[in-house]
Amino acid sequence: MTTTVNSPSPLQTSDIFLHTWGPRTFDGILVIVEAPLSSSALHELRKLFAAAKLDLDQCTVSAIYPERTPYNDLSSCFHPTSEKRIPFRGAFPNDQLRAGIERVGFQLKALKPRLVIGCGDLPLWAFTDKGGVSSTAGYKLPNGAAKWRGSQIFTTVDLGNIPYLPVYSPEVVVRMYAWRHVVIHDLASRAKRYLHGTYSWHRQHRTINYWNPSHHEVLGCLNRWLDDAHLAPLELSVDIETWRRKALVCVGLADDKTELCIPFFYFDPQGNCIDYFTEEHEIEICLLLRQLLTHRNIRIIGQNYIYDFQFLSRLLRIHTPVSYDTMLMHHLLWPGTPKGLDYLASLYTDHYVYWKDESNDWDGGTLHTELWKYNCKDIRETYDIAQELKKQISTANMHEQWSFQLDQWQVAAEMMQRGIATDLNRLNTVRTEMTKLAEELEVWLLDIMPEDLRFTAAEGYWFQSPKQTMYIFYTVLGLPTVLHKKTKKPTANYESFATLKKRAPWLSQVFDKLEEYRSIGVFNSHFLSITLSPDKRLRCNFNVGGTETFRWSSSANAFGEGTNFQNIPKGDEK
């Protein structure tokens, strides 16, 4: 149904629809862009809407800023931070931008659209409470569209709490074509379904949530699931939250009807660690939890479950492998694309609102209840994502490939549990040799330098400071500046030494000594000073879904032990 617009005071109709195009009768969709679009971006926006079975010509499109910004740089819309103007939402918009925000705000109140589609950072920051601000080159500029895209959120209360869908700006999509399918998905799965009346913009609560359970509630859920597992296979999503990579804060479990967060401890306002359950109750819960998760009929669903597996295995002696890892399932279907839980939820769940920042406020502080609620959201999203991904794998006929991925996961888990024997005596000997060699190089590098250049202002060695090293090479010695291949800024990194040797062969010995000194530092930090497990074995994290090519990757494990064990030097490197 279309409506005729009555303009509110004080702006006139002509003012409200300045920098706006589309039909003068309104059918419910207001598309807000940051500034007038280039011809290529406008063409792309039409294609995006058409691919989602929406007609851009039936929407009202409004630009906030009246002019195209140079290279789509939003800093031209704001005053520098140093000018200390009157802030608006944490930034300092110029007069044209303020007028544009006011104008589009009146549009929202006048049109009362069924749905607002905001393209880019500027509309999200101006008309919702979700956008953020970051400091960039002396300006405070809006951000957040990449984080919140696809979320089913609302405009601010003063603008009527209108359903709002953030998407990437078409100007960005023209440059980042890989993001095109994401915008089409957001428009088709969120906007179109909602506008056709088959989809609610509000989340429909259909599950029971226990985020601060009593002892009896925990036992009730665990025993119910155990009874179900005795009768038939049971899928449970599992997710843990940890503190400083050494303590288990809580364990979350969910089936299709229930989310349960089992907290173990929290901190009071004075910083004291408080046990959530009594010792007897915690032991009872942990034993029942282990009995449940090691049951032959339990099918564990996780997201990057190799991390959770390490904590559950070491601290609770639960060695059950994963049956469905949402990160690996998505990686199998779409290698090379993001694999974070929030990104997966934006693609595979019915209702999505970005939530992953909600755990950032808990760092051992007093907001423990927010962490427990966050854990429940994680396990619910993980469970729902897995149900959709199972369908996707079946449709793609990739059961055999998925089985192979699970087999690899099992091998990686066993390697991580077993660890690698370490010759501690030899390790200490090599560490001593490297330390002695590094000290000899330090003396040599200091002796060749005049006293006024040997140390930095912070009294560090000149060769330990990239800034001081570049000052000596490029300013004092006047060598031609070498630029970094990516940043195009002056550099004195390892790659620059080959060029500098050709330009100044008389300094080759200095570059060789610097290269050797830096190599020793890398060798010490990556191999000789790595943290071993309590049993003095070397354990690393092996990720079977870490690379686009399906090559394994490795890193320090969940407890900060180990290292990247796939770049071991042979010992004969220069």
Protein backbone atom coordinates (compact mmCIF):
# COMPACT_ATOMS: atom_id res chain seq x y z
CA MET A 1 0.00 0.00 0.00
CA THR A 2 1.37 3.43 -0.90
CA THR A 3 1.04 6.60 1.15
CA THR A 4 1.19 10.26 0.28
CA VAL A 5 3.82 12.16 2.23
CA ASN A 6 2.83 15.10 4.42
CA SER A 7 5.94 17.08 5.29
CA PRO A 8 6.46 18.06 8.92
CA SER A 9 7.39 21.51 10.12
CA PRO A 10 9.80 23.30 10.04
CA LEU A 11 11.22 21.90 6.78
CA GLN A 12 9.24 22.13 3.56
CA THR A 13 8.55 19.15 1.30
CA SER A 14 11.17 20.36 -1.18
CA ASP A 15 13.73 20.48 1.63
CA ILE A 16 12.88 17.03 2.93
CA PHE A 17 13.29 15.41 -0.47
CA LEU A 18 16.44 17.26 -1.41
CA HIS A 19 19.09 14.76 -2.59
CA THR A 20 16.39 12.06 -2.78
CA TRP A 21 15.20 10.08 -5.76
CA GLY A 22 12.50 7.48 -6.31
CA PRO A 23 8.69 7.50 -6.58
CA ARG A 24 6.81 10.35 -4.91
CA THR A 25 4.31 7.81 -3.60
CA PHE A 26 5.83 5.62 -0.97
CA ASP A 27 5.60 1.81 -0.73
CA GLY A 28 7.50 1.26 2.50
CA ILE A 29 11.26 1.07 1.79
CA LEU A 30 13.66 3.95 2.44
CA VAL A 31 17.22 3.32 1.26
CA ILE A 32 19.77 5.65 2.86
CA VAL A 33 23.19 6.08 1.25
CA GLU A 34 26.09 8.13 2.56
CA ALA A 35 26.37 10.53 -0.40
CA PRO A 36 25.20 10.73 -4.04
CA LEU A 37 26.36 7.56 -5.75
CA SER A 38 28.66 7.33 -8.71
CA SER A 39 27.07 5.91 -11.87
CA SER A 40 28.86 2.58 -11.37
CA ALA A 41 27.74 2.35 -7.72
CA LEU A 42 24.13 3.21 -8.59
CA HIS A 43 24.18 0.60 -11.35
CA GLU A 44 25.56 -1.93 -8.89
CA LEU A 45 22.87 -1.05 -6.30
CA ARG A 46 20.17 -1.73 -8.91
CA LYS A 47 21.77 -5.08 -9.73
CA LEU A 48 21.98 -6.01 -6.03
CA PHE A 49 18.28 -5.26 -5.48
CA ALA A 50 17.31 -7.09 -8.68
CA ALA A 51 19.32 -10.16 -7.64
CA ALA A 52 17.38 -10.16 -4.35
CA LYS A 53 14.07 -9.86 -6.28
CA LEU A 54 13.54 -6.28 -5.09
CA ASP A 55 12.93 -3.24 -7.30
CA LEU A 56 15.07 -0.23 -6.42
CA ASP A 57 12.86 1.99 -8.58
CA GLN A 58 9.99 1.36 -6.16
CA CYS A 59 12.09 2.53 -3.19
CA THR A 60 12.85 6.02 -2.00
CA VAL A 61 16.62 6.55 -1.95
CA SER A 62 18.09 9.37 0.08
CA ALA A 63 21.68 10.61 0.42
CA ILE A 64 22.76 12.11 3.75
CA TYR A 65 25.65 14.23 2.52
CA PRO A 66 24.72 16.50 -0.43
CA GLU A 67 27.96 16.04 -2.39
CA ARG A 68 30.05 13.10 -3.50
CA THR A 69 33.07 12.74 -1.25
CA PRO A 70 36.54 12.49 -2.85
CA TYR A 71 37.46 8.81 -3.15
CA ASN A 72 34.50 8.07 -0.83
CA ASP A 73 36.53 9.48 2.06
CA LEU A 74 34.17 10.45 4.89
CA SER A 75 36.75 12.73 6.54
CA SER A 76 35.61 15.51 4.18
CA CYS A 77 32.26 15.45 6.04
CA PHE A 78 33.80 16.06 9.46
CA HIS A 79 35.89 18.62 11.31
CA PRO A 80 39.34 17.53 12.51
CA THR A 81 39.36 16.29 16.10
CA SER A 82 41.86 19.01 17.04
CA GLU A 83 39.27 21.74 16.37
CA LYS A 84 37.18 20.49 19.32
CA ARG A 85 33.79 21.32 17.83
CA ILE A 86 30.49 20.41 19.46
CA PRO A 87 30.31 16.61 19.21
CA PHE A 88 27.46 14.60 17.77
CA ARG A 89 27.46 10.89 18.61
CA GLY A 90 31.16 11.03 19.40
CA ALA A 91 32.24 12.74 16.15
CA PHE A 92 32.37 16.29 14.75
CA PRO A 93 30.21 16.55 11.60
CA ASN A 94 30.43 19.70 9.51
CA ASP A 95 27.41 21.92 8.87
CA GLN A 96 26.45 20.20 5.60
CA LEU A 97 26.46 16.80 7.26
CA ARG A 98 24.46 18.04 10.24
CA ALA A 99 21.87 19.48 7.86
CA GLY A 100 21.76 16.21 5.93
CA ILE A 101 21.25 14.18 9.08
CA GLU A 102 18.43 16.51 10.14
CA ARG A 103 16.80 16.30 6.71
CA VAL A 104 16.85 12.51 6.54
CA GLY A 105 15.63 12.39 10.15
CA PHE A 106 12.56 14.40 9.11
CA GLN A 107 12.09 12.02 6.20
CA LEU A 108 12.01 9.07 8.55
CA LYS A 109 9.40 10.73 10.74
CA ALA A 110 7.31 11.80 7.74
CA LEU A 111 7.43 8.59 5.72
CA LYS A 112 7.31 6.13 8.61
CA PRO A 113 8.77 3.42 6.35
CA ARG A 114 8.22 -0.26 7.01
CA LEU A 115 11.94 -0.81 6.55
CA VAL A 116 15.07 1.31 6.33
CA ILE A 117 18.03 -0.12 4.41
CA GLY A 118 21.17 1.75 5.43
CA CYS A 119 24.18 1.50 3.11
CA GLY A 120 27.51 2.02 4.84
CA ASP A 121 28.84 3.45 8.09
CA LEU A 122 27.29 6.92 8.02
CA PRO A 123 23.57 5.95 8.20
CA LEU A 124 24.28 3.35 10.89
CA TRP A 125 26.06 5.93 13.03
CA ALA A 126 23.52 8.70 12.41
CA PHE A 127 20.20 6.88 12.81
CA THR A 128 20.81 3.90 15.11
CA ASP A 129 22.61 3.34 18.41
CA LYS A 130 24.85 0.60 16.96
CA GLY A 131 27.42 2.54 14.96
CA GLY A 132 30.80 3.34 16.45
CA VAL A 133 33.48 5.98 15.98
CA SER A 134 37.21 5.48 15.45
CA SER A 135 40.12 7.89 15.18
CA THR A 136 41.63 8.01 11.69
CA ALA A 137 44.30 10.48 10.54
CA GLY A 138 43.18 13.22 12.92
CA TYR A 139 39.43 12.66 12.47
CA LYS A 140 36.79 10.76 14.37
CA LEU A 141 34.88 8.82 11.73
CA PRO A 142 31.87 6.48 11.89
CA ASN A 143 32.33 2.73 11.56
CA GLY A 144 30.44 -0.46 12.28
CA ALA A 145 28.67 -1.35 9.04
CA ALA A 146 31.01 -4.29 8.41
CA LYS A 147 30.30 -5.58 11.91
CA TRP A 148 26.54 -5.03 12.00
CA ARG A 149 25.68 -5.83 8.36
CA GLY A 150 22.72 -8.18 8.06
CA SER A 151 21.54 -7.43 11.61
CA GLN A 152 17.86 -6.89 12.28
CA ILE A 153 18.04 -3.73 14.33
CA PHE A 154 16.00 -0.51 14.68
CA THR A 155 16.42 3.23 14.32
CA THR A 156 16.74 5.24 17.53
CA VAL A 157 13.69 5.79 19.72
CA ASP A 158 13.29 9.43 18.69
CA LEU A 159 13.04 8.29 15.05
CA GLY A 160 10.35 5.75 15.78
CA ASN A 161 12.20 2.43 16.31
CA ILE A 162 11.79 1.61 12.62
CA PRO A 163 13.21 -1.73 11.40
CA TYR A 164 16.68 -1.06 10.02
CA LEU A 165 18.89 -3.33 7.90
CA PRO A 166 22.57 -2.31 7.60
CA VAL A 167 24.35 -3.44 4.42
CA TYR A 168 27.65 -2.66 2.72
CA SER A 169 27.76 0.55 0.72
CA PRO A 170 27.48 -0.04 -3.06
CA GLU A 171 30.61 2.12 -3.45
CA VAL A 172 32.45 -0.49 -1.36
CA VAL A 173 30.93 -3.42 -3.24
CA VAL A 174 32.20 -1.98 -6.54
CA ARG A 175 35.73 -2.19 -5.11
CA MET A 176 35.25 -5.41 -3.10
CA TYR A 177 33.28 -7.60 -5.48
CA ALA A 178 33.59 -10.63 -3.18
CA TRP A 179 31.14 -8.90 -0.80
CA ARG A 180 28.43 -8.75 -3.45
CA HIS A 181 26.90 -12.12 -2.55
CA VAL A 182 26.69 -11.07 1.10
CA VAL A 183 24.64 -7.96 0.27
CA ILE A 184 22.34 -10.00 -1.95
CA HIS A 185 21.88 -12.51 0.86
CA ASP A 186 21.04 -9.76 3.37
CA LEU A 187 18.50 -8.16 1.04
CA ALA A 188 16.86 -11.45 0.07
CA SER A 189 16.86 -13.30 3.40
CA ARG A 190 16.09 -10.29 5.62
CA ALA A 191 14.46 -7.43 3.71
CA LYS A 192 12.42 -9.34 1.13
CA ARG A 193 11.05 -11.95 3.54
CA TYR A 194 10.11 -9.27 6.06
CA LEU A 195 8.41 -7.07 3.49
CA HIS A 196 6.44 -10.04 2.13
CA GLY A 197 5.03 -10.64 5.60
CA THR A 198 6.53 -14.12 6.08
CA TYR A 199 9.19 -13.02 8.54
CA SER A 200 9.13 -11.11 11.83
CA TRP A 201 11.73 -8.41 12.46
CA HIS A 202 11.62 -9.21 16.18
CA ARG A 203 13.25 -12.38 17.46
CA GLN A 204 10.69 -15.02 18.41
CA HIS A 205 11.73 -16.55 21.73
CA ARG A 206 11.05 -20.27 21.38
CA THR A 207 13.55 -21.80 23.81
CA ILE A 208 14.07 -22.06 27.56
CA ASN A 209 17.16 -20.24 28.77
CA TYR A 210 19.09 -20.99 31.98
CA TRP A 211 21.94 -18.47 32.27
CA ASN A 212 22.10 -18.38 36.10
CA PRO A 213 20.79 -21.84 37.00
CA SER A 214 20.35 -23.38 40.40
CA HIS A 215 21.96 -26.67 41.31
CA HIS A 216 18.67 -28.48 40.77
CA GLU A 217 18.10 -26.86 37.38
CA VAL A 218 21.55 -27.95 36.18
CA LEU A 219 20.98 -31.52 37.36
CA GLY A 220 17.51 -31.53 35.81
CA CYS A 221 18.80 -30.51 32.36
CA LEU A 222 21.79 -32.87 32.43
CA ASN A 223 19.72 -35.85 33.59
CA ARG A 224 17.01 -35.15 31.00
CA TRP A 225 19.61 -35.08 28.23
CA LEU A 226 21.22 -38.23 29.59
CA ASP A 227 17.86 -40.02 29.57
CA ASP A 228 17.29 -38.90 25.97
CA ALA A 229 20.75 -40.14 24.97
CA HIS A 230 19.98 -43.59 26.37
CA LEU A 231 17.13 -43.84 23.84
CA ALA A 232 18.59 -42.30 20.66
CA PRO A 233 21.43 -40.11 19.35
CA LEU A 234 21.22 -36.59 20.76
CA GLU A 235 22.80 -33.46 19.35
CA LEU A 236 24.11 -30.88 21.82
CA SER A 237 25.98 -27.69 21.01
CA VAL A 238 28.83 -27.06 23.46
CA ASP A 239 30.76 -23.86 24.10
CA ILE A 240 33.03 -22.74 26.92
CA GLU A 241 34.19 -19.38 28.22
CA THR A 242 37.66 -19.12 29.75
CA TRP A 243 39.62 -16.67 31.89
CA ARG A 244 43.17 -15.74 30.88
CA ARG A 245 43.58 -19.00 28.97
CA LYS A 246 43.90 -21.03 32.15
CA ALA A 247 40.57 -21.29 33.95
CA LEU A 248 37.15 -22.58 32.87
CA VAL A 249 34.56 -19.90 33.65
CA CYS A 250 31.48 -21.73 32.37
CA VAL A 251 30.27 -24.49 30.05
CA GLY A 252 27.24 -23.96 27.84
CA LEU A 253 25.06 -26.68 26.29
CA ALA A 254 21.98 -26.45 24.09
CA ASP A 255 19.55 -28.70 22.24
CA ASP A 256 16.67 -27.55 20.06
CA LYS A 257 14.61 -26.40 23.05
CA THR A 258 16.96 -25.38 25.86
CA GLU A 259 20.13 -23.38 26.53
CA LEU A 260 22.01 -24.08 29.74
CA CYS A 261 25.04 -22.16 30.99
CA ILE A 262 26.87 -23.85 33.89
CA PRO A 263 28.98 -21.19 35.69
CA PHE A 264 31.89 -22.27 37.89
CA PHE A 265 33.12 -18.99 39.38
CA TYR A 266 32.90 -15.21 39.13
CA PHE A 267 34.44 -12.12 40.72
CA ASP A 268 32.71 -9.85 43.21
CA PRO A 269 33.08 -6.01 43.11
CA GLN A 270 36.17 -6.28 45.33
CA GLY A 271 37.87 -8.66 42.89
CA ASN A 272 37.45 -11.76 45.05
CA CYS A 273 36.92 -15.05 43.23
CA ILE A 274 33.58 -16.59 44.24
CA ASP A 275 32.61 -20.19 43.52
CA TYR A 276 29.16 -20.44 41.95
CA PHE A 277 28.42 -23.86 43.48
CA THR A 278 29.59 -25.57 46.62
CA GLU A 279 32.47 -28.00 46.21
CA GLU A 280 30.16 -31.00 46.56
CA HIS A 281 27.68 -29.67 44.03
CA GLU A 282 30.42 -28.77 41.54
CA ILE A 283 31.93 -32.26 41.74
CA GLU A 284 28.47 -33.78 41.23
CA ILE A 285 27.82 -31.56 38.21
CA CYS A 286 31.22 -32.20 36.61
CA LEU A 287 30.87 -35.98 36.97
CA LEU A 288 27.38 -35.89 35.44
CA LEU A 289 28.59 -33.56 32.68
CA ARG A 290 31.41 -35.96 31.82
CA GLN A 291 29.00 -38.90 31.83
CA LEU A 292 26.71 -37.02 29.43
CA LEU A 293 29.30 -35.73 26.97
CA THR A 294 31.14 -39.07 26.77
CA HIS A 295 27.92 -41.02 26.16
CA ARG A 296 28.06 -43.07 22.95
CA ASN A 297 24.88 -41.41 21.62
CA ILE A 298 25.94 -37.80 22.17
CA ARG A 299 26.74 -35.83 19.02
CA ILE A 300 28.65 -32.66 19.93
CA ILE A 301 28.17 -29.50 17.87
CA GLY A 302 30.83 -26.82 18.25
CA GLN A 303 32.34 -23.74 16.64
CA ASN A 304 36.12 -24.11 16.36
CA TYR A 305 35.63 -26.90 18.87
CA ILE A 306 39.34 -27.78 18.87
CA TYR A 307 39.74 -24.94 21.40
CA ASP A 308 36.95 -26.15 23.70
CA PHE A 309 38.21 -29.72 23.36
CA GLN A 310 41.59 -28.80 24.84
CA PHE A 311 40.05 -27.30 28.01
CA LEU A 312 37.45 -30.02 28.46
CA SER A 313 40.07 -32.72 27.91
CA ARG A 314 42.68 -31.33 30.30
CA LEU A 315 40.46 -29.95 33.06
CA LEU A 316 37.41 -32.25 33.02
CA ARG A 317 38.85 -35.35 31.30
CA ILE A 318 36.19 -35.17 28.58
CA HIS A 319 37.76 -36.47 25.35
CA THR A 320 34.66 -36.69 23.13
CA PRO A 321 35.37 -35.58 19.55
CA VAL A 322 33.15 -33.16 17.69
CA SER A 323 30.46 -34.43 15.31
CA TYR A 324 29.58 -31.09 13.70
CA ASP A 325 31.99 -28.15 13.78
CA THR A 326 30.24 -25.18 12.20
CA MET A 327 33.52 -23.45 11.35
CA LEU A 328 34.79 -26.52 9.47
CA MET A 329 31.44 -27.17 7.79
CA HIS A 330 31.30 -23.65 6.40
CA HIS A 331 34.98 -23.84 5.45
CA LEU A 332 34.28 -27.01 3.49
CA LEU A 333 31.46 -25.35 1.57
CA TRP A 334 32.98 -21.90 1.11
CA PRO A 335 36.78 -22.00 1.59
CA GLY A 336 38.43 -18.61 1.76
CA THR A 337 35.44 -16.80 3.29
CA PRO A 338 35.18 -15.59 6.92
CA LYS A 339 34.46 -18.34 9.48
CA GLY A 340 33.58 -16.41 12.65
CA LEU A 341 30.41 -17.41 14.50
CA ASP A 342 28.79 -14.01 13.94
CA TYR A 343 29.41 -14.19 10.19
CA LEU A 344 27.96 -17.71 10.05
CA ALA A 345 24.92 -16.63 12.06
CA SER A 346 24.31 -13.75 9.64
CA LEU A 347 24.15 -16.28 6.79
CA TYR A 348 22.46 -19.34 8.26
CA THR A 349 20.03 -18.27 11.01
CA ASP A 350 16.50 -16.93 10.67
CA HIS A 351 16.97 -13.95 12.95
CA TYR A 352 20.30 -12.22 13.37
CA VAL A 353 21.60 -9.36 15.47
CA TYR A 354 25.35 -8.97 16.00
CA TRP A 355 26.25 -9.87 19.60
CA LYS A 356 29.92 -10.85 19.75
CA ASP A 357 31.07 -7.65 21.48
CA GLU A 358 28.91 -8.45 24.50
CA SER A 359 31.69 -10.55 26.06
CA ASN A 360 34.30 -7.79 25.75
CA ASP A 361 33.10 -6.07 28.91
CA TRP A 362 33.99 -9.13 31.00
CA ASP A 363 37.69 -9.28 31.79
CA GLY A 364 37.39 -10.85 35.19
CA GLY A 365 35.28 -7.92 36.36
CA THR A 366 31.81 -7.85 37.83
CA LEU A 367 29.74 -8.22 34.65
CA HIS A 368 29.71 -12.00 34.96
CA THR A 369 25.97 -12.26 34.32
CA GLU A 370 26.48 -10.69 30.89
CA LEU A 371 29.10 -13.33 30.10
CA TRP A 372 26.68 -16.12 31.04
CA LYS A 373 23.98 -14.64 28.81
CA TYR A 374 26.52 -14.27 26.03
CA ASN A 375 27.45 -17.94 26.41
CA CYS A 376 23.79 -18.91 25.98
CA LYS A 377 23.58 -16.86 22.77
CA ASP A 378 26.71 -18.56 21.43
CA ILE A 379 25.40 -22.08 21.98
CA ARG A 380 21.98 -21.24 20.52
CA GLU A 381 23.49 -19.74 17.38
CA THR A 382 25.94 -22.64 17.05
CA TYR A 383 23.13 -25.21 17.28
CA ASP A 384 20.92 -23.41 14.74
CA ILE A 385 23.79 -22.81 12.31
CA ALA A 386 24.69 -26.51 12.36
CA GLN A 387 21.15 -27.53 11.41
CA GLU A 388 21.28 -25.35 8.30
CA LEU A 389 24.83 -26.37 7.39
CA LYS A 390 23.87 -30.05 7.53
CA LYS A 391 21.24 -29.32 4.88
CA GLN A 392 23.77 -27.38 2.80
CA ILE A 393 26.29 -30.24 2.90
CA SER A 394 23.57 -32.71 1.94
CA THR A 395 22.42 -30.51 -0.94
CA ALA A 396 26.02 -30.22 -2.16
CA ASN A 397 26.45 -33.99 -1.80
CA MET A 398 29.62 -33.51 0.27
CA HIS A 399 29.08 -36.14 2.99
CA GLU A 400 32.25 -37.97 2.02
CA GLN A 401 34.35 -34.79 2.17
CA TRP A 402 32.85 -33.89 5.54
CA SER A 403 33.67 -37.35 6.88
CA PHE A 404 37.27 -36.85 5.74
CA GLN A 405 37.41 -33.49 7.56
CA LEU A 406 36.20 -35.15 10.77
CA ASP A 407 38.86 -37.85 10.44
CA GLN A 408 41.52 -35.16 10.12
CA TRP A 409 40.09 -33.35 13.13
CA GLN A 410 40.42 -36.54 15.18
CA VAL A 411 44.06 -37.00 14.13
CA ALA A 412 44.86 -33.37 15.01
CA ALA A 413 43.19 -33.72 18.41
CA GLU A 414 45.19 -36.84 19.23
CA MET A 415 48.44 -35.12 18.21
CA MET A 416 47.62 -32.15 20.42
CA GLN A 417 46.79 -34.38 23.39
CA ARG A 418 49.91 -36.48 23.08
CA GLY A 419 52.35 -33.62 22.55
CA ILE A 420 56.00 -33.89 21.55
CA ALA A 421 58.86 -35.02 23.79
CA THR A 422 61.41 -32.27 24.46
CA ASP A 423 65.12 -32.65 25.27
CA LEU A 424 65.35 -30.06 28.03
CA ASN A 425 69.13 -30.37 28.42
CA ARG A 426 69.70 -29.75 24.72
CA LEU A 427 67.16 -26.92 24.77
CA ASN A 428 69.00 -25.16 27.61
CA THR A 429 72.36 -25.70 25.89
CA VAL A 430 71.22 -24.15 22.63
CA ARG A 431 69.52 -21.29 24.48
CA THR A 432 72.80 -20.53 26.27
CA GLU A 433 74.74 -20.64 23.00
CA MET A 434 72.30 -18.30 21.29
CA THR A 435 72.34 -15.87 24.20
CA LYS A 436 76.13 -15.74 24.15
CA LEU A 437 76.20 -15.17 20.40
CA ALA A 438 73.59 -12.42 20.66
CA GLU A 439 75.66 -10.66 23.33
CA GLU A 440 78.75 -10.79 21.11
CA LEU A 441 76.79 -9.26 18.23
CA GLU A 442 75.43 -6.53 20.51
CA VAL A 443 78.97 -5.54 21.50
CA TRP A 444 80.10 -5.49 17.84
CA LEU A 445 77.13 -3.41 16.68
CA LEU A 446 77.61 -0.91 19.50
CA ASP A 447 81.36 -0.55 18.93
CA ILE A 448 80.99 0.43 15.26
CA MET A 449 78.67 3.31 16.09
CA PRO A 450 79.68 6.76 17.44
CA GLU A 451 78.70 7.25 21.07
CA ASP A 452 75.96 9.79 20.28
CA LEU A 453 74.16 7.25 18.03
CA ARG A 454 74.54 4.06 20.07
CA PHE A 455 71.38 4.47 22.14
CA THR A 456 67.84 5.70 21.59
CA ALA A 457 66.16 8.39 23.68
CA ALA A 458 64.69 5.58 25.79
CA GLU A 459 68.24 4.21 26.32
CA GLY A 460 67.72 1.17 24.13
CA TYR A 461 70.27 -0.14 21.64
CA TRP A 462 70.13 1.58 18.26
CA PHE A 463 69.73 -1.70 16.36
CA GLN A 464 66.70 -2.66 18.45
CA SER A 465 64.79 0.42 17.29
CA PRO A 466 63.52 0.46 13.68
CA LYS A 467 63.15 4.24 13.92
CA GLN A 468 66.75 4.77 15.10
CA THR A 469 68.07 2.29 12.53
CA MET A 470 66.32 4.14 9.69
CA TYR A 471 67.57 7.47 11.04
CA ILE A 472 71.17 6.25 10.92
CA PHE A 473 70.92 4.64 7.48
CA TYR A 474 68.80 7.22 5.67
CA THR A 475 69.58 10.50 7.46
CA VAL A 476 73.07 10.19 8.95
CA LEU A 477 74.61 8.00 6.22
CA GLY A 478 72.36 9.36 3.47
CA LEU A 479 71.53 6.00 1.87
CA PRO A 480 68.68 5.97 -0.69
CA THR A 481 65.47 5.19 1.18
CA VAL A 482 63.94 1.73 0.73
CA LEU A 483 60.13 1.62 0.85
CA HIS A 484 58.04 -1.22 2.22
CA LYS A 485 56.38 -3.19 -0.58
CA LYS A 486 52.89 -2.94 0.94
CA THR A 487 52.81 0.24 3.05
CA LYS A 488 55.09 2.23 0.72
CA LYS A 489 56.70 3.78 3.81
CA PRO A 490 60.44 3.85 4.66
CA THR A 491 61.62 0.58 6.17
CA ALA A 492 64.75 -1.15 7.45
CA ASN A 493 63.25 -4.62 7.64
CA TYR A 494 64.88 -7.89 6.62
CA GLU A 495 63.77 -7.59 2.98
CA SER A 496 65.37 -4.14 2.67
CA PHE A 497 68.88 -5.43 3.45
CA ALA A 498 69.39 -7.00 0.01
CA THR A 499 68.66 -3.66 -1.66
CA LEU A 500 70.80 -1.71 0.81
CA LYS A 501 73.76 -4.05 0.26
CA LYS A 502 73.66 -3.30 -3.46
CA ARG A 503 73.47 0.44 -2.82
CA ALA A 504 76.19 0.45 -0.14
CA PRO A 505 78.44 -2.63 -0.47
CA TRP A 506 80.87 -1.16 2.05
CA LEU A 507 78.19 -1.67 4.73
CA SER A 508 77.53 -5.32 3.86
CA GLN A 509 79.12 -6.59 7.07
CA VAL A 510 76.87 -4.34 9.13
CA PHE A 511 73.77 -5.63 7.36
CA ASP A 512 74.95 -9.24 7.78
CA LYS A 513 75.47 -8.74 11.52
CA LEU A 514 72.07 -7.07 11.88
CA GLU A 515 70.42 -9.88 9.96
CA GLU A 516 72.10 -12.50 12.15
CA TYR A 517 71.15 -10.67 15.36
CA ARG A 518 67.51 -10.41 14.31
CA SER A 519 67.46 -14.08 13.26
CA ILE A 520 68.71 -15.09 16.70
CA GLY A 521 65.93 -13.04 18.28
CA VAL A 522 63.28 -14.71 16.15
CA PHE A 523 64.75 -18.16 16.83
CA ASN A 524 64.77 -17.50 20.58
CA SER A 525 61.20 -16.22 20.73
CA HIS A 526 59.68 -18.80 18.36
CA PHE A 527 61.50 -21.96 19.41
CA LEU A 528 63.84 -21.65 22.41
CA SER A 529 61.56 -19.61 24.70
CA ILE A 530 58.22 -21.25 23.94
CA THR A 531 56.02 -22.32 26.82
CA LEU A 532 55.89 -26.07 27.45
CA SER A 533 53.02 -27.97 29.04
CA PRO A 534 53.26 -28.84 32.75
CA ASP A 535 54.62 -32.30 31.83
CA LYS A 536 57.40 -30.57 29.79
CA ARG A 537 56.05 -31.77 26.45
CA LEU A 538 55.53 -29.44 23.53
CA ARG A 539 51.87 -29.03 22.54
CA CYS A 540 50.54 -26.94 19.67
CA ASN A 541 47.16 -26.19 18.19
CA PHE A 542 46.59 -27.84 14.80
CA ASN A 543 43.79 -26.38 12.72
CA VAL A 544 42.48 -28.51 9.85
CA GLY A 545 40.36 -25.62 8.55
CA GLY A 546 42.78 -22.74 8.84
CA THR A 547 43.72 -22.17 5.21
CA GLU A 548 41.86 -21.74 1.94
CA THR A 549 43.84 -24.61 0.40
CA PHE A 550 42.87 -26.99 3.27
CA ARG A 551 46.49 -27.20 4.36
CA TRP A 552 46.77 -27.56 8.11
CA SER A 553 47.96 -24.58 10.15
CA SER A 554 49.46 -24.56 13.62
CA SER A 555 49.86 -22.10 16.47
CA ALA A 556 50.13 -21.93 20.24
CA ASN A 557 47.45 -24.04 21.91
CA ALA A 558 44.46 -22.94 23.98
CA PHE A 559 46.66 -22.50 27.07
CA GLY A 560 49.28 -20.35 25.33
CA GLU A 561 51.70 -23.27 25.10
CA GLY A 562 53.65 -24.25 21.99
CA THR A 563 54.14 -22.29 18.78
CA ASN A 564 53.67 -22.45 15.02
CA PHE A 565 55.32 -25.84 14.55
CA GLN A 566 55.20 -25.83 10.76
CA ASN A 567 58.08 -23.38 10.29
CA ILE A 568 60.88 -25.27 12.01
CA PRO A 569 64.32 -24.15 10.81
CA LYS A 570 66.67 -26.87 9.56
CA GLY A 571 69.64 -25.31 11.32
CA ASP A 572 71.67 -24.49 8.25
CA GLU A 573 69.90 -21.25 7.32
CA LYS A 574 72.02 -18.15 6.82
